[in-house]
Structure formats: C-alpha cells, structure tokens
N, C-alpha and C. Protein backbone atom coordinates (compact mmCIF):
# COMPACT_ATOMS: atom_id res chain seq x y z
N UNK A 1 -53.05 28.55 -164.07
CA UNK A 1 -54.13 28.08 -163.21
C UNK A 1 -55.33 27.70 -164.07
N UNK A 2 -55.96 26.62 -163.76
CA UNK A 2 -57.10 26.10 -164.51
C UNK A 2 -58.35 26.93 -164.20
N UNK A 3 -59.00 27.39 -165.27
CA UNK A 3 -60.27 28.09 -165.11
C UNK A 3 -61.29 27.11 -164.56
N UNK A 4 -62.20 27.60 -163.70
CA UNK A 4 -63.22 26.70 -163.17
C UNK A 4 -64.31 26.42 -164.20
N UNK A 5 -64.38 27.24 -165.27
CA UNK A 5 -65.36 27.01 -166.33
C UNK A 5 -64.86 25.89 -167.23
N UNK A 6 -65.66 24.86 -167.40
CA UNK A 6 -65.26 23.70 -168.19
C UNK A 6 -65.13 24.06 -169.66
N UNK A 7 -64.05 23.61 -170.28
CA UNK A 7 -63.82 23.78 -171.71
C UNK A 7 -63.90 22.41 -172.38
N UNK A 8 -64.90 22.15 -173.22
CA UNK A 8 -65.03 20.84 -173.87
C UNK A 8 -63.80 20.52 -174.71
N UNK A 9 -63.49 19.22 -174.82
CA UNK A 9 -62.36 18.79 -175.63
C UNK A 9 -62.81 18.54 -177.06
N UNK A 10 -61.86 18.40 -177.96
CA UNK A 10 -62.17 18.12 -179.37
C UNK A 10 -62.81 16.73 -179.49
N UNK A 11 -63.76 16.61 -180.40
CA UNK A 11 -64.47 15.33 -180.58
C UNK A 11 -63.52 14.19 -180.92
N UNK A 12 -62.48 14.44 -181.70
CA UNK A 12 -61.55 13.38 -182.11
C UNK A 12 -60.86 12.74 -180.90
N UNK A 13 -60.65 13.50 -179.85
CA UNK A 13 -59.97 12.97 -178.65
C UNK A 13 -60.83 11.94 -177.93
N UNK A 14 -62.15 12.07 -178.04
CA UNK A 14 -63.05 11.13 -177.36
C UNK A 14 -62.82 9.69 -177.81
N UNK A 15 -62.54 9.51 -179.12
CA UNK A 15 -62.33 8.16 -179.64
C UNK A 15 -61.27 7.42 -178.84
N UNK A 16 -60.16 8.09 -178.55
CA UNK A 16 -59.07 7.44 -177.83
C UNK A 16 -59.45 7.14 -176.38
N UNK A 17 -60.16 8.06 -175.76
CA UNK A 17 -60.61 7.82 -174.39
C UNK A 17 -61.58 6.64 -174.34
N UNK A 18 -62.49 6.59 -175.31
CA UNK A 18 -63.47 5.50 -175.35
C UNK A 18 -62.81 4.16 -175.65
N UNK A 19 -61.83 4.14 -176.55
CA UNK A 19 -61.08 2.90 -176.83
C UNK A 19 -60.40 2.42 -175.56
N UNK A 20 -59.75 3.34 -174.86
CA UNK A 20 -59.06 2.99 -173.61
C UNK A 20 -60.05 2.40 -172.60
N UNK A 21 -61.22 3.00 -172.48
CA UNK A 21 -62.21 2.50 -171.53
C UNK A 21 -62.77 1.15 -171.94
N UNK A 22 -63.04 0.98 -173.23
CA UNK A 22 -63.62 -0.25 -173.73
C UNK A 22 -62.72 -1.45 -173.42
N UNK A 23 -61.41 -1.24 -173.44
CA UNK A 23 -60.45 -2.32 -173.21
C UNK A 23 -59.84 -2.29 -171.81
N UNK A 24 -60.34 -1.39 -170.95
CA UNK A 24 -59.77 -1.21 -169.62
C UNK A 24 -58.24 -1.09 -169.73
N UNK A 25 -57.86 -0.23 -170.66
CA UNK A 25 -56.46 -0.02 -171.04
C UNK A 25 -55.64 0.60 -169.91
N UNK A 26 -54.44 0.10 -169.67
CA UNK A 26 -53.53 0.83 -168.78
C UNK A 26 -53.03 2.06 -169.54
N UNK A 27 -53.08 3.21 -168.90
CA UNK A 27 -52.73 4.47 -169.57
C UNK A 27 -51.84 5.34 -168.68
N UNK A 28 -51.11 6.23 -169.35
CA UNK A 28 -50.39 7.30 -168.66
C UNK A 28 -51.11 8.59 -169.04
N UNK A 29 -51.54 9.33 -168.02
CA UNK A 29 -52.28 10.57 -168.22
C UNK A 29 -51.36 11.71 -167.83
N UNK A 30 -51.15 12.64 -168.76
CA UNK A 30 -50.35 13.83 -168.48
C UNK A 30 -51.31 15.00 -168.26
N UNK A 31 -51.21 15.63 -167.10
CA UNK A 31 -52.09 16.75 -166.76
C UNK A 31 -51.41 18.07 -167.11
N UNK A 32 -52.21 19.11 -167.25
CA UNK A 32 -51.66 20.43 -167.58
C UNK A 32 -50.75 20.99 -166.49
N UNK A 33 -50.89 20.51 -165.26
CA UNK A 33 -50.01 21.01 -164.19
C UNK A 33 -48.65 20.33 -164.19
N UNK A 34 -48.42 19.42 -165.17
CA UNK A 34 -47.14 18.74 -165.30
C UNK A 34 -47.09 17.37 -164.63
N UNK A 35 -48.09 17.04 -163.82
CA UNK A 35 -48.09 15.74 -163.15
C UNK A 35 -48.55 14.65 -164.12
N UNK A 36 -48.19 13.41 -163.78
CA UNK A 36 -48.57 12.26 -164.57
C UNK A 36 -49.21 11.22 -163.66
N UNK A 37 -50.17 10.49 -164.22
CA UNK A 37 -50.86 9.44 -163.48
C UNK A 37 -50.84 8.19 -164.34
N UNK A 38 -50.46 7.06 -163.77
CA UNK A 38 -50.60 5.78 -164.45
C UNK A 38 -51.78 5.07 -163.83
N UNK A 39 -52.73 4.66 -164.68
CA UNK A 39 -53.99 4.12 -164.18
C UNK A 39 -54.62 3.23 -165.24
N UNK A 40 -55.75 2.63 -164.88
CA UNK A 40 -56.54 1.82 -165.80
C UNK A 40 -57.80 2.60 -166.17
N UNK A 41 -58.01 2.76 -167.48
CA UNK A 41 -59.19 3.50 -167.96
C UNK A 41 -60.46 2.75 -167.60
N UNK A 42 -61.48 3.51 -167.18
CA UNK A 42 -62.72 2.89 -166.75
C UNK A 42 -63.94 3.43 -167.50
N UNK A 43 -64.09 4.77 -167.57
CA UNK A 43 -65.32 5.35 -168.10
C UNK A 43 -65.10 6.81 -168.47
N UNK A 44 -65.89 7.29 -169.44
CA UNK A 44 -65.99 8.72 -169.73
C UNK A 44 -67.44 9.08 -169.43
N UNK A 45 -67.64 10.10 -168.61
CA UNK A 45 -69.00 10.44 -168.19
C UNK A 45 -69.18 11.95 -168.08
N UNK A 46 -70.44 12.35 -167.97
CA UNK A 46 -70.80 13.76 -167.81
C UNK A 46 -71.53 13.91 -166.49
N UNK A 47 -71.16 14.93 -165.74
CA UNK A 47 -71.85 15.26 -164.49
C UNK A 47 -71.96 16.78 -164.40
N UNK A 48 -73.18 17.27 -164.33
CA UNK A 48 -73.45 18.70 -164.23
C UNK A 48 -72.72 19.49 -165.31
N UNK A 49 -72.84 19.02 -166.57
CA UNK A 49 -72.29 19.68 -167.76
C UNK A 49 -70.76 19.69 -167.81
N UNK A 50 -70.11 18.84 -167.02
CA UNK A 50 -68.65 18.72 -167.04
C UNK A 50 -68.32 17.26 -167.34
N UNK A 51 -67.36 17.04 -168.24
CA UNK A 51 -66.99 15.68 -168.66
C UNK A 51 -65.78 15.20 -167.85
N UNK A 52 -65.82 13.91 -167.49
CA UNK A 52 -64.78 13.31 -166.65
C UNK A 52 -64.29 12.01 -167.25
N UNK A 53 -63.02 11.71 -166.99
CA UNK A 53 -62.40 10.44 -167.34
C UNK A 53 -62.22 9.70 -166.02
N UNK A 54 -62.93 8.59 -165.86
CA UNK A 54 -62.84 7.80 -164.64
C UNK A 54 -61.77 6.73 -164.83
N UNK A 55 -60.88 6.61 -163.84
CA UNK A 55 -59.79 5.64 -163.90
C UNK A 55 -59.64 4.96 -162.54
N UNK A 56 -58.94 3.83 -162.56
CA UNK A 56 -58.53 3.16 -161.32
C UNK A 56 -57.03 3.33 -161.19
N UNK A 57 -56.61 3.94 -160.10
CA UNK A 57 -55.20 4.22 -159.86
C UNK A 57 -54.84 3.60 -158.51
N UNK A 58 -53.97 2.59 -158.53
CA UNK A 58 -53.57 1.88 -157.30
C UNK A 58 -54.80 1.39 -156.52
N UNK A 59 -55.79 0.88 -157.27
CA UNK A 59 -56.99 0.33 -156.65
C UNK A 59 -58.02 1.36 -156.20
N UNK A 60 -57.74 2.64 -156.42
CA UNK A 60 -58.66 3.71 -156.01
C UNK A 60 -59.30 4.35 -157.24
N UNK A 61 -60.62 4.54 -157.21
CA UNK A 61 -61.33 5.22 -158.29
C UNK A 61 -61.00 6.70 -158.24
N UNK A 62 -60.77 7.28 -159.42
CA UNK A 62 -60.44 8.70 -159.52
C UNK A 62 -61.13 9.26 -160.75
N UNK A 63 -61.66 10.47 -160.65
CA UNK A 63 -62.30 11.16 -161.78
C UNK A 63 -61.47 12.39 -162.13
N UNK A 64 -61.15 12.52 -163.41
CA UNK A 64 -60.32 13.63 -163.88
C UNK A 64 -61.11 14.41 -164.91
N UNK A 65 -61.24 15.71 -164.70
CA UNK A 65 -61.91 16.56 -165.68
C UNK A 65 -61.15 16.49 -167.00
N UNK A 66 -61.88 16.31 -168.11
CA UNK A 66 -61.21 16.14 -169.39
C UNK A 66 -60.37 17.34 -169.78
N UNK A 67 -60.78 18.54 -169.42
CA UNK A 67 -59.99 19.71 -169.81
C UNK A 67 -58.75 19.91 -168.93
N UNK A 68 -58.53 19.03 -167.97
CA UNK A 68 -57.30 19.05 -167.18
C UNK A 68 -56.25 18.12 -167.78
N UNK A 69 -56.66 17.28 -168.74
CA UNK A 69 -55.77 16.30 -169.35
C UNK A 69 -55.10 16.91 -170.58
N UNK A 70 -53.77 16.93 -170.56
CA UNK A 70 -53.01 17.42 -171.72
C UNK A 70 -52.88 16.32 -172.76
N UNK A 71 -52.53 15.09 -172.30
CA UNK A 71 -52.30 13.99 -173.23
C UNK A 71 -52.52 12.66 -172.52
N UNK A 72 -52.72 11.63 -173.32
CA UNK A 72 -52.88 10.27 -172.79
C UNK A 72 -52.09 9.33 -173.68
N UNK A 73 -51.47 8.33 -173.06
CA UNK A 73 -50.71 7.31 -173.79
C UNK A 73 -51.15 5.94 -173.33
N UNK A 74 -51.23 5.00 -174.27
CA UNK A 74 -51.53 3.61 -173.93
C UNK A 74 -50.26 2.95 -173.38
N UNK A 75 -50.40 2.20 -172.30
CA UNK A 75 -49.30 1.43 -171.74
C UNK A 75 -49.45 -0.06 -172.02
N UNK A 76 -50.49 -0.42 -172.80
CA UNK A 76 -50.71 -1.83 -173.15
C UNK A 76 -49.57 -2.30 -174.05
N UNK A 77 -49.34 -3.61 -174.05
CA UNK A 77 -48.32 -4.21 -174.92
C UNK A 77 -48.99 -5.20 -175.86
N UNK A 78 -49.10 -4.95 -177.14
CA UNK A 78 -48.69 -3.72 -177.80
C UNK A 78 -49.71 -2.60 -177.54
N UNK A 79 -49.28 -1.35 -177.62
CA UNK A 79 -50.21 -0.24 -177.36
C UNK A 79 -51.25 -0.10 -178.47
N UNK A 80 -52.46 0.25 -178.10
CA UNK A 80 -53.52 0.47 -179.10
C UNK A 80 -53.39 1.85 -179.73
N UNK A 81 -52.69 2.76 -179.07
CA UNK A 81 -52.43 4.09 -179.61
C UNK A 81 -51.20 4.65 -178.92
N UNK A 82 -50.58 5.63 -179.56
CA UNK A 82 -49.42 6.29 -178.97
C UNK A 82 -49.92 7.48 -178.14
N UNK A 83 -49.08 8.46 -177.91
CA UNK A 83 -49.50 9.65 -177.16
C UNK A 83 -50.46 10.49 -177.99
N UNK A 84 -51.59 10.83 -177.38
CA UNK A 84 -52.63 11.61 -178.05
C UNK A 84 -52.88 12.87 -177.22
N UNK A 85 -52.86 14.03 -177.89
CA UNK A 85 -53.18 15.29 -177.22
C UNK A 85 -54.69 15.34 -176.99
N UNK A 86 -55.08 15.63 -175.75
CA UNK A 86 -56.50 15.66 -175.40
C UNK A 86 -57.06 17.07 -175.37
N UNK A 87 -56.38 17.98 -174.67
CA UNK A 87 -56.87 19.36 -174.62
C UNK A 87 -55.68 20.31 -174.60
N UNK A 88 -55.87 21.51 -175.14
CA UNK A 88 -54.78 22.50 -175.14
C UNK A 88 -54.56 23.05 -173.74
N UNK A 89 -53.39 23.64 -173.50
CA UNK A 89 -53.15 24.27 -172.20
C UNK A 89 -54.20 25.37 -171.96
N UNK A 90 -54.59 25.56 -170.70
CA UNK A 90 -55.63 26.56 -170.39
C UNK A 90 -55.28 27.95 -170.89
N UNK A 91 -54.01 28.32 -170.90
CA UNK A 91 -53.60 29.67 -171.34
C UNK A 91 -53.92 29.89 -172.81
N UNK A 92 -53.94 28.82 -173.61
CA UNK A 92 -54.21 28.97 -175.05
C UNK A 92 -55.69 29.18 -175.33
N UNK A 93 -56.54 29.04 -174.34
CA UNK A 93 -57.99 29.19 -174.52
C UNK A 93 -58.45 30.62 -174.30
N UNK A 94 -57.58 31.47 -173.74
CA UNK A 94 -57.98 32.86 -173.46
C UNK A 94 -58.01 33.71 -174.70
C-alpha cells in the first residue's frame, strides 16, 4: 500500500520526465500497483509539496504522483529513451 506521505524521486529521473513532456512523447507508465497506462506526456508540476506527472490518456487529463510511478518507457518511433526506473517500490523506503 502506498504511504500517503510523498517520497521525492531521484533527480536523474526528472530528466526523462522533462524530455517526455518537452516532446509530448507517447509513453507507457508502469505504476507500483502493477497497472500500466499509455498516455502522452504533458507536464511535471508541484502542488502542495507533492510532485505530479500530467498526461493525456484517451483525451482525458490525468495527474499521477511521481512516487507512484515505478518506470516509464518512450513509445515514440524511434524512442528517445528506453525503460527508466522512476521510483523504488514503497516497501523499499521503510
């Protein structure tokens, strides 16, 4: 279960999220709960000390907490990056 306290991600992971947003990259997002989302990257933002990855999924805007994202992959052809680990599983933070 995800802790409600936000855990910041590693700085190196931001580069990939920002590249994806800059190019409105199609991405596959793997969440810690095992689900996957295919969407278009839009923005990385902070709201009330929590960081979010904003995407468009099937025409709907969606915000995903960065510490809920396990990995992200570019779906562009050719891809700008392969699969990148974004944050460790919540259990490894205890």
